[in-house]
N, C-alpha and C. Protein backbone atom coordinates (compact mmCIF):
# COMPACT_ATOMS: atom_id res chain seq x y z
N MET A 1 0.84 -1.17 0.00
CA MET A 1 0.00 0.00 0.00
C MET A 1 0.89 1.24 0.00
N PHE A 2 0.56 2.16 -0.89
CA PHE A 2 1.32 3.40 -0.99
C PHE A 2 0.74 4.43 -0.04
N LYS A 3 1.62 5.09 0.71
CA LYS A 3 1.17 6.17 1.60
C LYS A 3 2.30 7.16 1.80
N GLY A 4 1.93 8.34 2.26
CA GLY A 4 2.92 9.38 2.53
C GLY A 4 2.97 10.45 1.47
N GLU A 5 3.58 11.57 1.84
CA GLU A 5 3.73 12.72 0.95
C GLU A 5 5.21 13.09 0.89
N TYR A 6 5.71 13.30 -0.32
CA TYR A 6 7.11 13.62 -0.52
C TYR A 6 7.23 14.79 -1.50
N SER A 7 8.20 15.66 -1.25
CA SER A 7 8.50 16.76 -2.16
C SER A 7 9.81 16.46 -2.86
N HIS A 8 9.81 16.61 -4.19
CA HIS A 8 11.00 16.39 -5.00
C HIS A 8 11.01 17.40 -6.13
N THR A 9 12.03 17.31 -6.96
CA THR A 9 12.10 18.13 -8.17
C THR A 9 12.23 17.22 -9.38
N ILE A 10 11.84 17.75 -10.52
CA ILE A 10 11.99 17.04 -11.78
C ILE A 10 13.02 17.82 -12.59
N ASP A 11 13.94 17.12 -13.24
CA ASP A 11 14.99 17.84 -13.98
C ASP A 11 14.52 18.20 -15.39
N ALA A 12 15.36 18.90 -16.13
CA ALA A 12 15.00 19.40 -17.45
C ALA A 12 14.71 18.27 -18.44
N LYS A 13 15.26 17.08 -18.19
CA LYS A 13 15.03 15.94 -19.07
C LYS A 13 13.77 15.15 -18.68
N GLY A 14 13.12 15.58 -17.60
CA GLY A 14 11.89 14.91 -17.19
C GLY A 14 12.11 13.75 -16.24
N ARG A 15 13.27 13.74 -15.56
CA ARG A 15 13.57 12.66 -14.62
C ARG A 15 13.23 13.09 -13.20
N LEU A 16 12.58 12.21 -12.49
CA LEU A 16 12.11 12.47 -11.14
C LEU A 16 12.65 11.37 -10.22
N ILE A 17 13.24 11.77 -9.10
CA ILE A 17 13.69 10.78 -8.13
C ILE A 17 12.48 10.22 -7.41
N MET A 18 12.34 8.90 -7.46
CA MET A 18 11.23 8.22 -6.79
C MET A 18 11.66 7.90 -5.37
N PRO A 19 10.88 8.27 -4.37
CA PRO A 19 11.24 7.96 -2.98
C PRO A 19 11.52 6.46 -2.80
N SER A 20 12.50 6.15 -1.97
CA SER A 20 12.94 4.75 -1.82
C SER A 20 11.81 3.84 -1.36
N LYS A 21 10.93 4.32 -0.48
CA LYS A 21 9.81 3.48 -0.03
C LYS A 21 8.90 3.11 -1.20
N TYR A 22 8.70 4.04 -2.12
CA TYR A 22 7.88 3.74 -3.28
C TYR A 22 8.61 2.80 -4.25
N ARG A 23 9.92 3.00 -4.41
CA ARG A 23 10.70 2.13 -5.31
C ARG A 23 10.57 0.68 -4.90
N GLU A 24 10.64 0.42 -3.60
CA GLU A 24 10.53 -0.95 -3.09
C GLU A 24 9.19 -1.56 -3.46
N LEU A 25 8.12 -0.78 -3.35
CA LEU A 25 6.78 -1.29 -3.63
C LEU A 25 6.49 -1.40 -5.13
N LEU A 26 7.08 -0.54 -5.94
CA LEU A 26 6.81 -0.54 -7.38
C LEU A 26 7.46 -1.71 -8.10
N GLY A 27 8.61 -2.16 -7.64
CA GLY A 27 9.31 -3.22 -8.33
C GLY A 27 10.08 -2.71 -9.53
N GLU A 28 10.47 -3.64 -10.40
CA GLU A 28 11.33 -3.29 -11.53
C GLU A 28 10.61 -2.49 -12.62
N SER A 29 9.35 -2.78 -12.83
CA SER A 29 8.59 -2.14 -13.90
C SER A 29 7.22 -1.76 -13.36
N PHE A 30 6.72 -0.61 -13.80
CA PHE A 30 5.44 -0.11 -13.32
C PHE A 30 4.82 0.76 -14.41
N VAL A 31 3.63 1.29 -14.15
CA VAL A 31 2.90 2.06 -15.17
C VAL A 31 2.62 3.46 -14.65
N VAL A 32 2.86 4.44 -15.52
CA VAL A 32 2.51 5.84 -15.25
C VAL A 32 1.47 6.24 -16.28
N THR A 33 0.40 6.90 -15.83
CA THR A 33 -0.65 7.33 -16.75
C THR A 33 -1.24 8.65 -16.28
N ARG A 34 -2.10 9.21 -17.11
CA ARG A 34 -2.81 10.42 -16.74
C ARG A 34 -3.68 10.12 -15.52
N GLY A 35 -3.86 11.15 -14.68
CA GLY A 35 -4.75 11.02 -13.54
C GLY A 35 -5.76 12.15 -13.54
N PHE A 36 -6.71 12.05 -12.66
CA PHE A 36 -7.71 13.11 -12.52
C PHE A 36 -7.05 14.36 -11.92
N ASP A 37 -7.71 15.49 -12.08
CA ASP A 37 -7.29 16.75 -11.46
C ASP A 37 -5.91 17.21 -11.90
N ASN A 38 -5.50 16.85 -13.11
CA ASN A 38 -4.19 17.23 -13.66
C ASN A 38 -3.02 16.71 -12.85
N CYS A 39 -3.12 15.48 -12.40
CA CYS A 39 -1.96 14.82 -11.79
C CYS A 39 -1.69 13.57 -12.60
N LEU A 40 -0.67 12.82 -12.22
CA LEU A 40 -0.37 11.52 -12.83
C LEU A 40 -0.62 10.43 -11.82
N PHE A 41 -1.03 9.25 -12.30
CA PHE A 41 -1.19 8.07 -11.47
C PHE A 41 -0.04 7.12 -11.78
N VAL A 42 0.51 6.50 -10.73
CA VAL A 42 1.57 5.50 -10.87
C VAL A 42 1.07 4.23 -10.19
N PHE A 43 1.05 3.12 -10.95
CA PHE A 43 0.60 1.83 -10.44
C PHE A 43 1.72 0.81 -10.52
N ASP A 44 1.82 -0.07 -9.50
CA ASP A 44 2.68 -1.24 -9.67
C ASP A 44 1.98 -2.14 -10.69
N GLN A 45 2.68 -3.17 -11.17
CA GLN A 45 2.11 -4.00 -12.24
C GLN A 45 0.80 -4.66 -11.82
N GLU A 46 0.73 -5.17 -10.62
CA GLU A 46 -0.48 -5.84 -10.15
C GLU A 46 -1.66 -4.85 -10.08
N GLY A 47 -1.41 -3.67 -9.53
CA GLY A 47 -2.45 -2.66 -9.44
C GLY A 47 -2.92 -2.21 -10.81
N TRP A 48 -1.96 -2.04 -11.74
CA TRP A 48 -2.33 -1.62 -13.09
C TRP A 48 -3.16 -2.69 -13.78
N GLU A 49 -2.77 -3.94 -13.66
CA GLU A 49 -3.52 -5.02 -14.32
C GLU A 49 -4.96 -5.06 -13.84
N LYS A 50 -5.18 -4.85 -12.55
CA LYS A 50 -6.55 -4.82 -12.02
C LYS A 50 -7.30 -3.60 -12.56
N PHE A 51 -6.67 -2.44 -12.50
CA PHE A 51 -7.30 -1.20 -12.97
C PHE A 51 -7.64 -1.29 -14.46
N GLU A 52 -6.67 -1.75 -15.24
CA GLU A 52 -6.90 -1.88 -16.69
C GLU A 52 -8.00 -2.90 -16.98
N SER A 53 -8.02 -3.99 -16.26
CA SER A 53 -9.05 -5.01 -16.44
C SER A 53 -10.43 -4.42 -16.15
N ASP A 54 -10.53 -3.64 -15.07
CA ASP A 54 -11.80 -2.99 -14.74
C ASP A 54 -12.23 -2.03 -15.84
N LEU A 55 -11.27 -1.29 -16.39
CA LEU A 55 -11.59 -0.35 -17.48
C LEU A 55 -12.04 -1.09 -18.74
N ARG A 56 -11.34 -2.19 -19.07
CA ARG A 56 -11.69 -2.94 -20.27
C ARG A 56 -13.04 -3.63 -20.13
N ALA A 57 -13.49 -3.87 -18.90
CA ALA A 57 -14.78 -4.52 -18.66
C ALA A 57 -15.96 -3.56 -18.84
N LEU A 58 -15.67 -2.27 -18.93
CA LEU A 58 -16.75 -1.30 -19.12
C LEU A 58 -17.39 -1.51 -20.50
N PRO A 59 -18.69 -1.24 -20.62
CA PRO A 59 -19.38 -1.47 -21.90
C PRO A 59 -18.89 -0.52 -22.99
N ILE A 60 -18.43 -1.08 -24.09
CA ILE A 60 -17.88 -0.28 -25.18
C ILE A 60 -18.94 0.61 -25.82
N ALA A 61 -20.21 0.29 -25.63
CA ALA A 61 -21.29 1.11 -26.17
C ALA A 61 -21.44 2.43 -25.41
N SER A 62 -20.85 2.52 -24.23
CA SER A 62 -20.93 3.73 -23.42
C SER A 62 -19.85 4.72 -23.84
N SER A 63 -20.26 5.92 -24.23
CA SER A 63 -19.26 6.91 -24.65
C SER A 63 -18.36 7.31 -23.48
N ASN A 64 -18.89 7.37 -22.26
CA ASN A 64 -18.06 7.70 -21.09
C ASN A 64 -17.03 6.60 -20.83
N ALA A 65 -17.42 5.35 -21.02
CA ALA A 65 -16.48 4.24 -20.84
C ALA A 65 -15.34 4.35 -21.85
N ARG A 66 -15.68 4.63 -23.09
CA ARG A 66 -14.64 4.77 -24.12
C ARG A 66 -13.70 5.92 -23.80
N LYS A 67 -14.26 7.02 -23.31
CA LYS A 67 -13.42 8.17 -22.95
C LYS A 67 -12.47 7.82 -21.81
N LEU A 68 -12.96 7.11 -20.81
CA LEU A 68 -12.10 6.70 -19.70
C LEU A 68 -11.01 5.74 -20.17
N GLN A 69 -11.35 4.80 -21.03
CA GLN A 69 -10.36 3.88 -21.56
C GLN A 69 -9.27 4.63 -22.33
N ARG A 70 -9.68 5.58 -23.16
CA ARG A 70 -8.71 6.37 -23.92
C ARG A 70 -7.82 7.19 -23.00
N PHE A 71 -8.46 7.80 -22.00
CA PHE A 71 -7.73 8.66 -21.08
C PHE A 71 -6.67 7.89 -20.32
N PHE A 72 -7.06 6.79 -19.68
CA PHE A 72 -6.12 6.04 -18.83
C PHE A 72 -5.23 5.08 -19.62
N ILE A 73 -5.82 4.22 -20.43
CA ILE A 73 -5.03 3.21 -21.14
C ILE A 73 -4.22 3.86 -22.25
N GLY A 74 -4.85 4.78 -22.99
CA GLY A 74 -4.14 5.47 -24.07
C GLY A 74 -3.00 6.33 -23.57
N GLY A 75 -3.10 6.81 -22.34
CA GLY A 75 -2.06 7.66 -21.78
C GLY A 75 -1.01 6.92 -20.99
N ALA A 76 -1.12 5.59 -20.90
CA ALA A 76 -0.23 4.81 -20.04
C ALA A 76 1.11 4.50 -20.70
N VAL A 77 2.16 4.53 -19.89
CA VAL A 77 3.50 4.13 -20.33
C VAL A 77 4.12 3.20 -19.30
N GLU A 78 4.89 2.25 -19.78
CA GLU A 78 5.68 1.39 -18.90
C GLU A 78 6.89 2.20 -18.45
N ALA A 79 7.25 2.10 -17.19
CA ALA A 79 8.38 2.87 -16.66
C ALA A 79 9.26 1.98 -15.80
N GLU A 80 10.49 2.42 -15.64
CA GLU A 80 11.47 1.73 -14.80
C GLU A 80 12.27 2.77 -14.03
N ILE A 81 12.88 2.34 -12.96
CA ILE A 81 13.76 3.19 -12.17
C ILE A 81 15.19 2.99 -12.67
N ASP A 82 15.92 4.09 -12.91
CA ASP A 82 17.31 3.95 -13.33
C ASP A 82 18.22 3.74 -12.11
N LYS A 83 19.51 3.61 -12.34
CA LYS A 83 20.46 3.31 -11.26
C LYS A 83 20.55 4.42 -10.22
N GLN A 84 20.13 5.64 -10.58
CA GLN A 84 20.15 6.75 -9.63
C GLN A 84 18.81 6.92 -8.91
N GLY A 85 17.88 5.99 -9.12
CA GLY A 85 16.58 6.04 -8.45
C GLY A 85 15.58 6.97 -9.11
N ARG A 86 15.83 7.28 -10.40
CA ARG A 86 14.95 8.22 -11.11
C ARG A 86 14.04 7.48 -12.09
N VAL A 87 12.90 8.10 -12.35
CA VAL A 87 11.98 7.63 -13.39
C VAL A 87 11.84 8.74 -14.41
N LEU A 88 11.84 8.37 -15.68
CA LEU A 88 11.66 9.34 -16.76
C LEU A 88 10.17 9.49 -17.03
N ILE A 89 9.67 10.72 -16.91
CA ILE A 89 8.27 11.02 -17.19
C ILE A 89 8.20 11.59 -18.61
N PRO A 90 7.52 10.91 -19.53
CA PRO A 90 7.44 11.41 -20.92
C PRO A 90 6.81 12.81 -20.99
N GLY A 91 7.20 13.55 -22.01
CA GLY A 91 6.74 14.93 -22.18
C GLY A 91 5.23 15.09 -22.17
N VAL A 92 4.50 14.19 -22.85
CA VAL A 92 3.05 14.32 -22.91
C VAL A 92 2.43 14.19 -21.52
N LEU A 93 3.00 13.36 -20.66
CA LEU A 93 2.49 13.23 -19.30
C LEU A 93 2.91 14.43 -18.44
N ARG A 94 4.13 14.93 -18.66
CA ARG A 94 4.56 16.14 -17.94
C ARG A 94 3.63 17.30 -18.27
N GLU A 95 3.25 17.41 -19.53
CA GLU A 95 2.34 18.47 -19.95
C GLU A 95 0.98 18.32 -19.28
N HIS A 96 0.45 17.10 -19.24
CA HIS A 96 -0.86 16.86 -18.63
C HIS A 96 -0.87 17.35 -17.18
N ALA A 97 0.19 17.04 -16.43
CA ALA A 97 0.25 17.38 -15.00
C ALA A 97 0.94 18.72 -14.74
N LYS A 98 1.35 19.39 -15.82
CA LYS A 98 2.03 20.68 -15.69
C LYS A 98 3.27 20.58 -14.78
N LEU A 99 4.02 19.49 -14.97
CA LEU A 99 5.22 19.27 -14.16
C LEU A 99 6.36 20.10 -14.71
N GLU A 100 6.87 21.00 -13.90
CA GLU A 100 7.96 21.86 -14.34
C GLU A 100 9.20 21.67 -13.48
N LYS A 101 9.13 21.90 -12.20
CA LYS A 101 10.30 21.74 -11.34
C LYS A 101 9.93 21.10 -10.01
N ASN A 102 9.11 21.78 -9.21
CA ASN A 102 8.77 21.27 -7.88
C ASN A 102 7.57 20.34 -7.96
N ILE A 103 7.74 19.16 -7.37
CA ILE A 103 6.78 18.07 -7.49
C ILE A 103 6.38 17.58 -6.10
N THR A 104 5.12 17.17 -5.97
CA THR A 104 4.66 16.49 -4.77
C THR A 104 4.20 15.10 -5.18
N LEU A 105 4.70 14.09 -4.47
CA LEU A 105 4.27 12.71 -4.68
C LEU A 105 3.44 12.29 -3.48
N LEU A 106 2.29 11.68 -3.75
CA LEU A 106 1.39 11.24 -2.68
C LEU A 106 1.07 9.77 -2.85
N GLY A 107 1.25 9.00 -1.79
CA GLY A 107 0.79 7.63 -1.79
C GLY A 107 -0.65 7.62 -1.35
N VAL A 108 -1.54 7.10 -2.19
CA VAL A 108 -2.97 7.12 -1.87
C VAL A 108 -3.57 5.71 -1.88
N GLY A 109 -2.82 4.78 -1.30
CA GLY A 109 -3.32 3.41 -1.18
C GLY A 109 -2.93 2.56 -2.37
N SER A 110 -3.81 2.48 -3.36
CA SER A 110 -3.59 1.60 -4.50
C SER A 110 -2.58 2.14 -5.50
N HIS A 111 -2.26 3.42 -5.42
CA HIS A 111 -1.36 4.02 -6.39
C HIS A 111 -0.71 5.28 -5.82
N ILE A 112 0.18 5.86 -6.61
CA ILE A 112 0.87 7.10 -6.27
C ILE A 112 0.33 8.18 -7.19
N GLU A 113 0.20 9.39 -6.67
CA GLU A 113 -0.14 10.54 -7.51
C GLU A 113 1.08 11.45 -7.57
N ILE A 114 1.36 11.96 -8.77
CA ILE A 114 2.44 12.92 -8.98
C ILE A 114 1.80 14.25 -9.36
N TRP A 115 2.09 15.28 -8.57
CA TRP A 115 1.47 16.59 -8.74
C TRP A 115 2.52 17.68 -8.95
N ASN A 116 2.17 18.68 -9.72
CA ASN A 116 2.88 19.94 -9.69
C ASN A 116 2.65 20.47 -8.28
N LYS A 117 3.72 20.82 -7.56
CA LYS A 117 3.59 21.21 -6.16
C LYS A 117 2.61 22.36 -5.95
N GLU A 118 2.68 23.35 -6.81
CA GLU A 118 1.79 24.51 -6.68
C GLU A 118 0.33 24.10 -6.88
N SER A 119 0.07 23.24 -7.86
CA SER A 119 -1.30 22.76 -8.10
C SER A 119 -1.81 21.98 -6.90
N TRP A 120 -0.95 21.14 -6.30
CA TRP A 120 -1.36 20.39 -5.12
C TRP A 120 -1.72 21.34 -3.98
N GLU A 121 -0.88 22.34 -3.75
CA GLU A 121 -1.11 23.26 -2.64
C GLU A 121 -2.35 24.12 -2.88
N GLN A 122 -2.65 24.43 -4.13
CA GLN A 122 -3.79 25.30 -4.43
C GLN A 122 -5.12 24.57 -4.49
N GLY A 123 -5.12 23.36 -5.00
CA GLY A 123 -6.42 22.73 -5.20
C GLY A 123 -6.49 21.24 -4.99
N GLY A 124 -5.39 20.62 -4.67
CA GLY A 124 -5.39 19.18 -4.55
C GLY A 124 -5.92 18.66 -3.24
N SER A 125 -5.83 19.47 -2.21
CA SER A 125 -6.27 19.02 -0.89
C SER A 125 -7.61 19.67 -0.54
N PHE A 126 -8.24 19.15 0.49
CA PHE A 126 -9.53 19.70 0.94
C PHE A 126 -9.31 21.01 1.67
N ASP A 127 -10.07 22.01 1.30
CA ASP A 127 -10.06 23.27 2.03
C ASP A 127 -10.94 23.17 3.27
N ASN A 128 -11.98 22.34 3.19
CA ASN A 128 -12.93 22.22 4.26
C ASN A 128 -12.99 20.76 4.71
N LEU A 129 -12.25 20.43 5.75
CA LEU A 129 -12.21 19.04 6.21
C LEU A 129 -13.54 18.59 6.81
N ASP A 130 -14.34 19.50 7.32
CA ASP A 130 -15.67 19.13 7.82
C ASP A 130 -16.52 18.58 6.68
N GLU A 131 -16.46 19.24 5.54
CA GLU A 131 -17.20 18.78 4.36
C GLU A 131 -16.71 17.40 3.92
N ALA A 132 -15.40 17.20 3.93
CA ALA A 132 -14.83 15.91 3.54
C ALA A 132 -15.27 14.82 4.50
N ALA A 133 -15.30 15.11 5.79
CA ALA A 133 -15.72 14.12 6.78
C ALA A 133 -17.18 13.74 6.56
N GLU A 134 -18.02 14.71 6.23
CA GLU A 134 -19.43 14.42 5.94
C GLU A 134 -19.56 13.53 4.71
N GLN A 135 -18.72 13.78 3.70
CA GLN A 135 -18.76 12.94 2.51
C GLN A 135 -18.36 11.50 2.84
N LEU A 136 -17.39 11.33 3.73
CA LEU A 136 -17.00 9.98 4.16
C LEU A 136 -18.17 9.27 4.83
N MET A 137 -18.88 9.99 5.69
CA MET A 137 -20.03 9.40 6.37
C MET A 137 -21.09 8.98 5.36
N GLU A 138 -21.32 9.81 4.33
CA GLU A 138 -22.30 9.47 3.29
C GLU A 138 -21.90 8.20 2.55
N LEU A 139 -20.60 7.96 2.45
CA LEU A 139 -20.10 6.75 1.79
C LEU A 139 -20.03 5.55 2.73
N GLY A 140 -20.41 5.76 3.99
CA GLY A 140 -20.41 4.67 4.96
C GLY A 140 -19.08 4.46 5.65
N ILE A 141 -18.18 5.42 5.56
CA ILE A 141 -16.87 5.32 6.21
C ILE A 141 -16.91 6.18 7.46
N MET A 142 -16.81 5.54 8.60
CA MET A 142 -16.86 6.26 9.87
C MET A 142 -15.47 6.39 10.45
N ILE A 143 -15.17 7.56 10.96
CA ILE A 143 -13.86 7.79 11.58
C ILE A 143 -14.03 7.84 13.08
C-alpha cells in the first residue's frame, strides 16, 4: 500500500527521483498514466492489471467508458527506475500534469499521484475538512 507525501524536483530531461519506499513497492517495472485533477497516477504491475481489467470490462457502447479507456489506457507508459533512483516522465504526461520543477508525490493506497507542487497546494487538498468528513459518512466510512 502506498502512503505518505514527498516533495522532490523534476529535472530538465523529465527525470524524477522516486522515494525509496515507493521504489521498493513498485518493483522493476510499473505504469505511469494520466490522472484526474491534472496529476499523474503511478501503479505497480499488479495494481495496473486490475485497474486496466476494470476499465476494459466497461461497456464499449458507453461513450463515457470509451473516454475513460482512452484517457487512462491510451495515456499509459511502462516505466522503470534507473540506477540513480529516477523515473523518466514522458513529455506528454509532464504536460498533462504541468510538471515543471517542484513536485509532490502522494501515496494514496492503490497508487501514487504525482502533482505539480503549486497545483497540489492550491487545489489538490480539501479546504474544508468538515465537508470531507461528511462525505465519508455518506459513503459509509466512519472515523
